[in-house]
C-alpha atoms as a PDB file:
ATOM      1  CA  MET A   1      -1.600 -90.868  98.652  1.00  0.00           C
ATOM      2  CA  THR A   2      -2.956 -90.233  95.323  1.00  0.00           C
ATOM      3  CA  THR A   3       0.250 -90.141  93.286  1.00  0.00           C
ATOM      4  CA  SER A   4       0.276 -92.935  90.691  1.00  0.00           C
ATOM      5  CA  GLU A   5       2.687 -95.810  91.463  1.00  0.00           C
ATOM      6  CA  GLN A   6       6.079 -95.666  89.872  1.00  0.00           C
ATOM      7  CA  THR A   7       7.352 -98.952  88.311  1.00  0.00           C
ATOM      8  CA  HIS A   8      10.050-100.694  90.472  1.00  0.00           C
ATOM      9  CA  SER A   9      12.912-102.697  89.387  1.00  0.00           C
ATOM     10  CA  THR A  10      14.095-105.793  91.216  1.00  0.00           C
ATOM     11  CA  PHE A  11      17.662-106.879  92.041  1.00  0.00           C
ATOM     12  CA  THR A  12      19.509-109.002  94.559  1.00  0.00           C
ATOM     13  CA  LEU A  13      22.131-108.314  97.023  1.00  0.00           C
ATOM     14  CA  THR A  14      24.413-110.808  98.831  1.00  0.00           C
ATOM     15  CA  GLY A  15      24.818-110.224 102.432  1.00  0.00           C
ATOM     16  CA  ARG A  16      28.185-110.560 104.131  1.00  0.00           C
ATOM     17  CA  ASP A  17      27.217-114.131 105.323  1.00  0.00           C
ATOM     18  CA  GLY A  18      26.363-115.103 101.727  1.00  0.00           C
ATOM     19  CA  THR A  19      22.556-114.834 102.124  1.00  0.00           C
ATOM     20  CA  VAL A  20      20.799-113.474  99.124  1.00  0.00           C
ATOM     21  CA  VAL A  21      18.378-110.830  99.619  1.00  0.00           C
ATOM     22  CA  THR A  22      15.810-109.529  97.168  1.00  0.00           C
ATOM     23  CA  ALA A  23      15.720-105.684  96.885  1.00  0.00           C
ATOM     24  CA  TYR A  24      13.944-102.999  95.002  1.00  0.00           C
ATOM     25  CA  ARG A  25      14.427 -99.549  93.505  1.00  0.00           C
ATOM     26  CA  TRP A  26      12.006 -96.760  92.376  1.00  0.00           C
ATOM     27  CA  LEU A  27      13.509 -93.825  90.473  1.00  0.00           C
ATOM     28  CA  PRO A  28      12.126 -90.489  89.860  1.00  0.00           C
ATOM     29  CA  ASP A  29      11.696 -89.288  86.262  1.00  0.00           C
ATOM     30  CA  GLY A  30      14.108 -86.237  86.788  1.00  0.00           C
ATOM     31  CA  PRO A  31      17.315 -85.642  88.787  1.00  0.00           C
ATOM     32  CA  VAL A  32      17.656 -87.501  91.951  1.00  0.00           C
ATOM     33  CA  ARG A  33      17.769 -85.051  94.934  1.00  0.00           C
ATOM     34  CA  GLY A  34      18.297 -87.860  97.605  1.00  0.00           C
ATOM     35  CA  ILE A  35      17.697 -91.368  98.611  1.00  0.00           C
ATOM     36  CA  VAL A  36      15.089 -92.849 100.920  1.00  0.00           C
ATOM     37  CA  GLN A  37      15.953 -96.427 102.080  1.00  0.00           C
ATOM     38  CA  LEU A  38      13.047 -98.218 103.288  1.00  0.00           C
ATOM     39  CA  THR A  39      13.194-101.007 106.186  1.00  0.00           C
ATOM     40  CA  HIS A  40       9.829-102.703 106.452  1.00  0.00           C
ATOM     41  CA  GLY A  41       8.220-104.389 109.414  1.00  0.00           C
ATOM     42  CA  MET A  42       7.510-107.984 110.534  1.00  0.00           C
ATOM     43  CA  GLY A  43       5.343-110.249 108.623  1.00  0.00           C
ATOM     44  CA  GLU A  44       5.117-108.087 105.564  1.00  0.00           C
ATOM     45  CA  HIS A  45       7.225-107.117 102.514  1.00  0.00           C
ATOM     46  CA  LEU A  46       8.549-104.168 100.856  1.00  0.00           C
ATOM     47  CA  LEU A  47       6.301-103.988  97.984  1.00  0.00           C
ATOM     48  CA  ARG A  48       3.521-102.776 100.320  1.00  0.00           C
ATOM     49  CA  TYR A  49       5.361 -99.519 100.358  1.00  0.00           C
ATOM     50  CA  ALA A  50       4.924 -98.843  96.638  1.00  0.00           C
ATOM     51  CA  PRO A  51       2.359 -96.064  97.294  1.00  0.00           C
ATOM     52  CA  LEU A  52       4.601 -94.274  99.589  1.00  0.00           C
ATOM     53  CA  ALA A  53       7.508 -94.867  97.122  1.00  0.00           C
ATOM     54  CA  ALA A  54       5.487 -93.198  94.385  1.00  0.00           C
ATOM     55  CA  VAL A  55       4.920 -90.001  96.456  1.00  0.00           C
ATOM     56  CA  LEU A  56       8.721 -89.903  97.140  1.00  0.00           C
ATOM     57  CA  THR A  57       9.751 -90.459  93.701  1.00  0.00           C
ATOM     58  CA  GLY A  58       7.389 -87.724  92.627  1.00  0.00           C
ATOM     59  CA  ARG A  59       9.420 -85.496  94.899  1.00  0.00           C
ATOM     60  CA  GLY A  60      12.738 -86.427  93.267  1.00  0.00           C
ATOM     61  CA  PHE A  61      13.899 -89.241  95.641  1.00  0.00           C
ATOM     62  CA  ALA A  62      15.124 -92.563  94.596  1.00  0.00           C
ATOM     63  CA  VAL A  63      13.662 -95.158  96.810  1.00  0.00           C
ATOM     64  CA  TYR A  64      15.320 -98.373  97.808  1.00  0.00           C
ATOM     65  CA  GLY A  65      14.427-101.224 100.164  1.00  0.00           C
ATOM     66  CA  GLN A  66      14.748-105.094 100.464  1.00  0.00           C
ATOM     67  CA  ASP A  67      12.449-107.969 101.700  1.00  0.00           C
ATOM     68  CA  HIS A  68      14.108-108.994 104.999  1.00  0.00           C
ATOM     69  CA  ARG A  69      15.292-112.361 105.600  1.00  0.00           C
ATOM     70  CA  GLY A  70      12.317-114.543 106.221  1.00  0.00           C
ATOM     71  CA  HIS A  71      10.135-112.120 104.389  1.00  0.00           C
ATOM     72  CA  GLY A  72       8.635-111.738 100.801  1.00  0.00           C
ATOM     73  CA  ALA A  73      10.787-112.825  97.976  1.00  0.00           C
ATOM     74  CA  THR A  74      13.846-113.277 100.115  1.00  0.00           C
ATOM     75  CA  ALA A  75      11.895-115.977 102.058  1.00  0.00           C
ATOM     76  CA  GLY A  76      10.868-117.533  98.739  1.00  0.00           C
ATOM     77  CA  SER A  77       8.121-119.668 100.263  1.00  0.00           C
ATOM     78  CA  ALA A  78       5.706-119.729 103.217  1.00  0.00           C
ATOM     79  CA  GLU A  79       7.741-122.349 104.958  1.00  0.00           C
ATOM     80  CA  ASN A  80      10.459-119.848 105.441  1.00  0.00           C
ATOM     81  CA  HIS A  81       8.294-116.956 106.839  1.00  0.00           C
ATOM     82  CA  GLY A  82       9.873-115.555 109.805  1.00  0.00           C
ATOM     83  CA  VAL A  83      13.058-117.713 109.619  1.00  0.00           C
ATOM     84  CA  LEU A  84      16.046-115.407 109.587  1.00  0.00           C
ATOM     85  CA  GLY A  85      18.544-118.187 109.073  1.00  0.00           C
ATOM     86  CA  GLU A  86      21.917-118.914 110.576  1.00  0.00           C
ATOM     87  CA  THR A  87      23.152-115.417 111.275  1.00  0.00           C
ATOM     88  CA  GLY A  88      19.670-114.359 112.256  1.00  0.00           C
ATOM     89  CA  TRP A  89      18.662-110.861 113.389  1.00  0.00           C
ATOM     90  CA  ALA A  90      22.252-109.609 113.279  1.00  0.00           C
ATOM     91  CA  GLY A  91      22.298-110.505 109.537  1.00  0.00           C
ATOM     92  CA  LEU A  92      19.084-108.559 108.937  1.00  0.00           C
ATOM     93  CA  VAL A  93      20.465-105.525 110.728  1.00  0.00           C
ATOM     94  CA  ASP A  94      23.663-105.810 108.611  1.00  0.00           C
ATOM     95  CA  ASP A  95      21.780-106.118 105.465  1.00  0.00           C
ATOM     96  CA  ILE A  96      20.592-102.404 106.121  1.00  0.00           C
ATOM     97  CA  GLU A  97      24.345-101.425 105.729  1.00  0.00           C
ATOM     98  CA  VAL A  98      24.851-103.773 102.561  1.00  0.00           C
ATOM     99  CA  LEU A  99      21.779-101.989 100.840  1.00  0.00           C
ATOM    100  CA  ARG A 100      22.819 -98.635 101.890  1.00  0.00           C
ATOM    101  CA  SER A 101      26.268 -99.062 100.480  1.00  0.00           C
ATOM    102  CA  HIS A 102      24.812-100.239  97.142  1.00  0.00           C
ATOM    103  CA  ALA A 103      22.355 -97.334  97.058  1.00  0.00           C
ATOM    104  CA  ARG A 104      25.207 -94.869  97.581  1.00  0.00           C
ATOM    105  CA  GLY A 105      27.158 -96.571  94.797  1.00  0.00           C
ATOM    106  CA  GLU A 106      24.204 -96.080  92.421  1.00  0.00           C
ATOM    107  CA  GLN A 107      23.316 -92.629  93.654  1.00  0.00           C
ATOM    108  CA  PRO A 108      26.470 -90.897  94.815  1.00  0.00           C
ATOM    109  CA  ASP A 109      26.777 -87.483  96.215  1.00  0.00           C
ATOM    110  CA  VAL A 110      23.109 -87.140  97.368  1.00  0.00           C
ATOM    111  CA  PRO A 111      21.641 -87.270 100.872  1.00  0.00           C
ATOM    112  CA  LEU A 112      20.327 -90.685 102.268  1.00  0.00           C
ATOM    113  CA  VAL A 113      17.493 -90.884 104.690  1.00  0.00           C
ATOM    114  CA  LEU A 114      16.952 -94.227 106.273  1.00  0.00           C
ATOM    115  CA  LEU A 115      13.249 -94.888 107.117  1.00  0.00           C
ATOM    116  CA  GLY A 116      12.350 -98.045 109.217  1.00  0.00           C
ATOM    117  CA  HIS A 117       8.734 -99.175 110.400  1.00  0.00           C
ATOM    118  CA  SER A 118       7.982-101.372 113.280  1.00  0.00           C
ATOM    119  CA  MET A 119      10.323-104.206 113.317  1.00  0.00           C
ATOM    120  CA  GLY A 120      12.395-102.324 110.629  1.00  0.00           C
ATOM    121  CA  SER A 121      12.468 -99.408 112.958  1.00  0.00           C
ATOM    122  CA  PHE A 122      13.754-101.653 115.761  1.00  0.00           C
ATOM    123  CA  ALA A 123      16.531-102.806 113.323  1.00  0.00           C
ATOM    124  CA  VAL A 124      17.328 -99.187 112.294  1.00  0.00           C
ATOM    125  CA  GLN A 125      17.490 -98.170 115.977  1.00  0.00           C
ATOM    126  CA  GLN A 126      20.180-100.984 116.472  1.00  0.00           C
ATOM    127  CA  TYR A 127      21.959 -99.771 113.267  1.00  0.00           C
ATOM    128  CA  LEU A 128      22.302 -96.257 114.254  1.00  0.00           C
ATOM    129  CA  PRO A 129      24.825 -96.247 117.069  1.00  0.00           C
ATOM    130  CA  ALA A 130      27.636 -97.603 114.923  1.00  0.00           C
ATOM    131  CA  HIS A 131      26.573 -96.150 111.489  1.00  0.00           C
ATOM    132  CA  SER A 132      24.976 -92.745 111.975  1.00  0.00           C
ATOM    133  CA  ASP A 133      27.789 -91.044 110.134  1.00  0.00           C
ATOM    134  CA  ARG A 134      26.719 -92.984 107.008  1.00  0.00           C
ATOM    135  CA  ILE A 135      23.157 -91.431 106.673  1.00  0.00           C
ATOM    136  CA  ASP A 136      21.952 -88.056 106.559  1.00  0.00           C
ATOM    137  CA  ALA A 137      18.631 -88.183 108.382  1.00  0.00           C
ATOM    138  CA  CYS A 138      16.479 -91.105 109.944  1.00  0.00           C
ATOM    139  CA  VAL A 139      12.769 -91.732 110.235  1.00  0.00           C
ATOM    140  CA  LEU A 140      11.122 -94.223 112.575  1.00  0.00           C
ATOM    141  CA  SER A 141       7.452 -95.278 112.192  1.00  0.00           C
ATOM    142  CA  GLY A 142       5.265 -97.559 114.293  1.00  0.00           C
ATOM    143  CA  THR A 143       8.144 -97.677 116.757  1.00  0.00           C
ATOM    144  CA  GLY A 144       8.946 -97.527 120.432  1.00  0.00           C
ATOM    145  CA  LEU A 145      11.405 -99.054 122.840  1.00  0.00           C
ATOM    146  CA  LEU A 146      11.739-102.892 122.724  1.00  0.00           C
ATOM    147  CA  ASP A 147      13.429-103.084 126.202  1.00  0.00           C
ATOM    148  CA  LEU A 148      10.320-101.623 127.777  1.00  0.00           C
ATOM    149  CA  LEU A 149       8.037-103.860 125.695  1.00  0.00           C
ATOM    150  CA  GLU A 150      10.081-107.109 126.436  1.00  0.00           C
ATOM    151  CA  PRO A 151       8.702-107.690 130.018  1.00  0.00           C
ATOM    152  CA  ALA A 152       5.218-107.965 128.590  1.00  0.00           C
ATOM    153  CA  LEU A 153       6.048-110.759 126.016  1.00  0.00           C
ATOM    154  CA  ASP A 154       6.964-114.417 126.235  1.00  0.00           C
ATOM    155  CA  LEU A 155      10.186-114.931 124.449  1.00  0.00           C
ATOM    156  CA  SER A 156      10.247-118.621 124.861  1.00  0.00           C
ATOM    157  CA  ALA A 157       7.947-119.059 121.843  1.00  0.00           C
ATOM    158  CA  ALA A 158       7.640-117.502 118.381  1.00  0.00           C
ATOM    159  CA  ILE A 159       6.304-114.031 118.674  1.00  0.00           C
ATOM    160  CA  ASP A 160       2.423-113.797 118.419  1.00  0.00           C
ATOM    161  CA  LEU A 161       0.945-110.807 117.043  1.00  0.00           C
ATOM    162  CA  SER A 162      -2.682-111.650 117.674  1.00  0.00           C
ATOM    163  CA  GLY A 163      -2.634-109.817 121.216  1.00  0.00           C
ATOM    164  CA  PHE A 164      -2.319-106.645 119.575  1.00  0.00           C
ATOM    165  CA  ASN A 165      -5.791-106.903 118.383  1.00  0.00           C
ATOM    166  CA  ALA A 166      -7.294-107.000 121.919  1.00  0.00           C
ATOM    167  CA  PRO A 167      -8.334-103.320 122.201  1.00  0.00           C
ATOM    168  CA  PHE A 168     -10.343-103.335 118.846  1.00  0.00           C
ATOM    169  CA  GLU A 169     -13.635-105.154 117.735  1.00  0.00           C
ATOM    170  CA  ASN A 170     -12.374-108.339 115.989  1.00  0.00           C
ATOM    171  CA  ARG A 171     -13.302-108.565 112.397  1.00  0.00           C
ATOM    172  CA  THR A 172     -10.171-110.051 110.870  1.00  0.00           C
ATOM    173  CA  GLY A 173      -7.653-110.271 113.835  1.00  0.00           C
ATOM    174  CA  TYR A 174      -5.596-107.431 112.126  1.00  0.00           C
ATOM    175  CA  GLU A 175      -7.829-104.241 113.109  1.00  0.00           C
ATOM    176  CA  TRP A 176      -4.695-102.955 115.107  1.00  0.00           C
ATOM    177  CA  LEU A 177      -2.832-102.307 111.753  1.00  0.00           C
ATOM    178  CA  SER A 178      -5.248 -99.521 110.510  1.00  0.00           C
ATOM    179  CA  ARG A 179      -8.711 -97.974 110.724  1.00  0.00           C
ATOM    180  CA  ASP A 180      -9.030 -98.337 107.035  1.00  0.00           C
ATOM    181  CA  GLU A 181     -10.746-101.721 106.459  1.00  0.00           C
ATOM    182  CA  ALA A 182      -9.677-102.004 102.919  1.00  0.00           C
ATOM    183  CA  GLN A 183      -6.081-101.877 103.844  1.00  0.00           C
ATOM    184  CA  VAL A 184      -6.589-104.430 106.494  1.00  0.00           C
ATOM    185  CA  ASP A 185      -8.361-106.760 104.009  1.00  0.00           C
ATOM    186  CA  LEU A 186      -5.281-106.305 101.564  1.00  0.00           C
ATOM    187  CA  TYR A 187      -3.052-107.408 104.350  1.00  0.00           C
ATOM    188  CA  VAL A 188      -5.156-110.436 105.273  1.00  0.00           C
ATOM    189  CA  ALA A 189      -5.468-111.384 101.612  1.00  0.00           C
ATOM    190  CA  ASP A 190      -1.678-111.126 100.966  1.00  0.00           C
ATOM    191  CA  PRO A 191      -0.004-114.579 101.330  1.00  0.00           C
ATOM    192  CA  ASP A 192       3.266-112.840 102.294  1.00  0.00           C
ATOM    193  CA  CYS A 193       1.722-111.037 105.343  1.00  0.00           C
ATOM    194  CA  GLY A 194       0.621-112.012 108.835  1.00  0.00           C
ATOM    195  CA  PHE A 195       3.281-114.001 110.505  1.00  0.00           C
ATOM    196  CA  GLY A 196       5.989-113.331 113.329  1.00  0.00           C
ATOM    197  CA  LEU A 197       9.563-114.212 113.695  1.00  0.00           C
ATOM    198  CA  ASP A 198      10.635-117.483 114.738  1.00  0.00           C
ATOM    199  CA  GLN A 199      11.666-117.841 118.393  1.00  0.00           C
ATOM    200  CA  PRO A 200      15.537-117.513 117.932  1.00  0.00           C
ATOM    201  CA  GLY A 201      14.881-114.410 115.795  1.00  0.00           C
ATOM    202  CA  THR A 202      12.467-112.947 118.340  1.00  0.00           C
ATOM    203  CA  VAL A 203      14.909-113.441 121.187  1.00  0.00           C
ATOM    204  CA  ALA A 204      17.845-111.952 118.950  1.00  0.00           C
ATOM    205  CA  MET A 205      15.805-108.855 118.258  1.00  0.00           C
ATOM    206  CA  PHE A 206      15.106-107.997 121.818  1.00  0.00           C
ATOM    207  CA  THR A 207      18.549-109.055 123.008  1.00  0.00           C
ATOM    208  CA  GLY A 208      19.981-106.638 120.454  1.00  0.00           C
ATOM    209  CA  ALA A 209      17.858-103.866 121.745  1.00  0.00           C
ATOM    210  CA  ARG A 210      19.038-104.074 125.420  1.00  0.00           C
ATOM    211  CA  PRO A 211      22.115-102.023 124.964  1.00  0.00           C
ATOM    212  CA  LEU A 212      19.843 -99.025 123.656  1.00  0.00           C
ATOM    213  CA  ALA A 213      18.888 -98.581 127.190  1.00  0.00           C
ATOM    214  CA  GLU A 214      22.365 -97.568 127.964  1.00  0.00           C
ATOM    215  CA  PRO A 215      23.220 -93.848 127.605  1.00  0.00           C
ATOM    216  CA  ASP A 216      26.722 -94.815 126.357  1.00  0.00           C
ATOM    217  CA  THR A 217      25.367 -96.578 123.371  1.00  0.00           C
ATOM    218  CA  LEU A 218      23.026 -93.842 122.235  1.00  0.00           C
ATOM    219  CA  ALA A 219      25.885 -91.275 122.693  1.00  0.00           C
ATOM    220  CA  ARG A 220      27.581 -92.873 119.746  1.00  0.00           C
ATOM    221  CA  ILE A 221      24.953 -91.431 117.498  1.00  0.00           C
ATOM    222  CA  ARG A 222      25.919 -88.213 115.941  1.00  0.00           C
ATOM    223  CA  ASP A 223      24.328 -85.222 117.511  1.00  0.00           C
ATOM    224  CA  ASP A 224      23.202 -83.507 114.331  1.00  0.00           C
ATOM    225  CA  LEU A 225      21.461 -86.416 112.784  1.00  0.00           C
ATOM    226  CA  PRO A 226      17.848 -85.316 112.079  1.00  0.00           C
ATOM    227  CA  LEU A 227      15.419 -87.713 113.425  1.00  0.00           C
ATOM    228  CA  TYR A 228      11.567 -87.961 112.737  1.00  0.00           C
ATOM    229  CA  VAL A 229       9.238 -90.256 114.698  1.00  0.00           C
ATOM    230  CA  THR A 230       5.761 -90.772 113.292  1.00  0.00           C
ATOM    231  CA  VAL A 231       3.271 -92.836 115.459  1.00  0.00           C
ATOM    232  CA  GLY A 232      -0.481 -93.286 116.141  1.00  0.00           C
ATOM    233  CA  ASP A 233      -1.655 -92.865 119.600  1.00  0.00           C
ATOM    234  CA  ALA A 234      -4.055 -95.876 119.282  1.00  0.00           C
ATOM    235  CA  ASP A 235      -1.117 -98.249 118.147  1.00  0.00           C
ATOM    236  CA  PRO A 236      -1.003-100.993 120.699  1.00  0.00           C
ATOM    237  CA  VAL A 237       2.632-101.687 119.817  1.00  0.00           C
ATOM    238  CA  ASN A 238       3.611 -98.492 121.593  1.00  0.00           C
ATOM    239  CA  ALA A 239       1.327 -99.039 124.596  1.00  0.00           C
ATOM    240  CA  GLY A 240      -0.485 -95.743 124.494  1.00  0.00           C
ATOM    241  CA  LEU A 241       2.685 -93.822 123.693  1.00  0.00           C
ATOM    242  CA  ALA A 242       4.255 -95.293 126.764  1.00  0.00           C
ATOM    243  CA  LEU A 243       7.099 -96.804 124.714  1.00  0.00           C
ATOM    244  CA  VAL A 244       7.489 -93.574 122.536  1.00  0.00           C
ATOM    245  CA  HIS A 245       7.931 -90.683 124.994  1.00  0.00           C
ATOM    246  CA  PRO A 246      10.768 -92.346 126.832  1.00  0.00           C
ATOM    247  CA  MET A 247      12.624 -93.072 123.487  1.00  0.00           C
ATOM    248  CA  ILE A 248      12.242 -89.465 122.486  1.00  0.00           C
ATOM    249  CA  GLU A 249      13.699 -88.529 125.741  1.00  0.00           C
ATOM    250  CA  ARG A 250      16.635 -90.766 125.442  1.00  0.00           C
ATOM    251  CA  TYR A 251      17.521 -89.588 122.154  1.00  0.00           C
ATOM    252  CA  ARG A 252      17.525 -86.030 123.332  1.00  0.00           C
ATOM    253  CA  ALA A 253      19.329 -86.915 126.431  1.00  0.00           C
ATOM    254  CA  ALA A 254      21.926 -88.581 124.265  1.00  0.00           C
ATOM    255  CA  GLY A 255      22.590 -85.065 122.592  1.00  0.00           C
ATOM    256  CA  LEU A 256      20.364 -85.380 119.387  1.00  0.00           C
ATOM    257  CA  THR A 257      19.479 -81.687 118.565  1.00  0.00           C
ATOM    258  CA  ASP A 258      16.953 -82.385 115.853  1.00  0.00           C
ATOM    259  CA  VAL A 259      14.260 -84.769 117.079  1.00  0.00           C
ATOM    260  CA  THR A 260      10.719 -84.326 115.741  1.00  0.00           C
ATOM    261  CA  LEU A 261       7.817 -86.356 117.147  1.00  0.00           C
ATOM    262  CA  ALA A 262       4.464 -86.581 115.062  1.00  0.00           C
ATOM    263  CA  VAL A 263       1.596 -88.178 116.831  1.00  0.00           C
ATOM    264  CA  TRP A 264      -1.524 -88.868 115.012  1.00  0.00           C
ATOM    265  CA  PRO A 265      -4.745 -89.064 117.200  1.00  0.00           C
ATOM    266  CA  GLY A 266      -6.693 -92.316 116.600  1.00  0.00           C
ATOM    267  CA  ALA A 267      -4.090 -93.706 114.133  1.00  0.00           C
ATOM    268  CA  ARG A 268      -3.113 -97.303 114.613  1.00  0.00           C
ATOM    269  CA  HIS A 269       0.186 -99.116 113.813  1.00  0.00           C
ATOM    270  CA  GLU A 270       0.563 -98.675 110.014  1.00  0.00           C
ATOM    271  CA  VAL A 271       0.442 -95.006 109.843  1.00  0.00           C
ATOM    272  CA  PHE A 272       1.155 -94.966 106.092  1.00  0.00           C
ATOM    273  CA  ASN A 273      -1.826 -97.176 105.469  1.00  0.00           C
ATOM    274  CA  GLU A 274      -4.050 -95.156 107.759  1.00  0.00           C
ATOM    275  CA  THR A 275      -7.339 -93.413 106.883  1.00  0.00           C
ATOM    276  CA  ASN A 276      -5.591 -89.928 106.976  1.00  0.00           C
ATOM    277  CA  ARG A 277      -2.420 -91.213 105.305  1.00  0.00           C
ATOM    278  CA  ASP A 278      -2.310 -88.255 102.877  1.00  0.00           C
ATOM    279  CA  GLU A 279      -2.003 -86.034 105.970  1.00  0.00           C
ATOM    280  CA  ILE A 280       0.558 -88.293 107.554  1.00  0.00           C
ATOM    281  CA  VAL A 281       2.698 -88.538 104.247  1.00  0.00           C
ATOM    282  CA  ALA A 282       2.383 -84.774 103.643  1.00  0.00           C
ATOM    283  CA  ASP A 283       3.884 -84.151 107.096  1.00  0.00           C
ATOM    284  CA  LEU A 284       6.773 -86.605 106.417  1.00  0.00           C
ATOM    285  CA  THR A 285       7.513 -85.045 103.057  1.00  0.00           C
ATOM    286  CA  ALA A 286       7.384 -81.482 104.612  1.00  0.00           C
ATOM    287  CA  TRP A 287      10.084 -82.599 107.069  1.00  0.00           C
ATOM    288  CA  LEU A 288      12.092 -84.170 104.285  1.00  0.00           C
ATOM    289  CA  ASP A 289      11.916 -80.933 102.331  1.00  0.00           C
ATOM    290  CA  ARG A 290      13.476 -79.380 105.416  1.00  0.00           C
ATOM    291  CA  VAL A 291      16.314 -81.767 105.974  1.00  0.00           C
ATOM    292  CA  VAL A 292      16.900 -82.568 102.367  1.00  0.00           C
ATOM    293  CA  PRO A 293      16.157 -79.311 100.466  1.00  0.00           C
ATOM    294  CA  ASP A 294      15.774 -79.793  96.683  1.00  0.00           C
ATOM    295  CA  GLY A 295      18.858 -79.009  94.945  1.00  0.00           C
ATOM    296  CA  LYS A 296      21.129 -79.774  97.967  1.00  0.00           C
END
């Protein structure tokens, strides 16, 4: 991603439970052709996506996203990292709709694409059955099926991310994120990165995913929602794609007619920070050009 980064603006939103969430927008220089709403992963924050936002604004998209509860500026301090608060995971998922409504209000009459990475993709998956009619397309990255991952984890404690590094030579403990050592070093040096959810949040995230194993739940997603899934085949979170292919099969079995899977050989968890990120982002933008034609 070589496009220079656009300047973002910061604002706050109030969740329906009263929680104040910090959010960001990037706007293109010219007319807005569409919105891409970003939903970040666990133990990170939205401003890590500034390079991706720069590419998207360069193609005419307005980009919106928020720091989740317990993350980034919304958390406010390290002692709040991973703490989702009283309404917990359900509040985090609901914040997607709060921001979507806000973005639509600022940019009416243009398509909206919802993009979720990792934990954000799990939240988006749980958002879709009740709200697919409110978005125009969906992207999932670093994703998979939580109900198939759950048996391998201990949900009696706060989630521990260190096990994901087991397949790799340990330099920092976060080699599982990317083959790009510079990107890994940026993550390690960032005081707002490198933590998991607290135990109640972890349990609620997995509990919220269980209904997605039921065909009746996925059948509530509109059939014509374009879905793009982008993953690395060396991402330990998807267990060698064992948590991805069944997910694709479920969505297709539920009736979705436009499902695209992009698998990147050798890529790890953060595909947008990988050594071949320009190729990966170019594939995403080509898909966006198909589902959100310029001038639509």
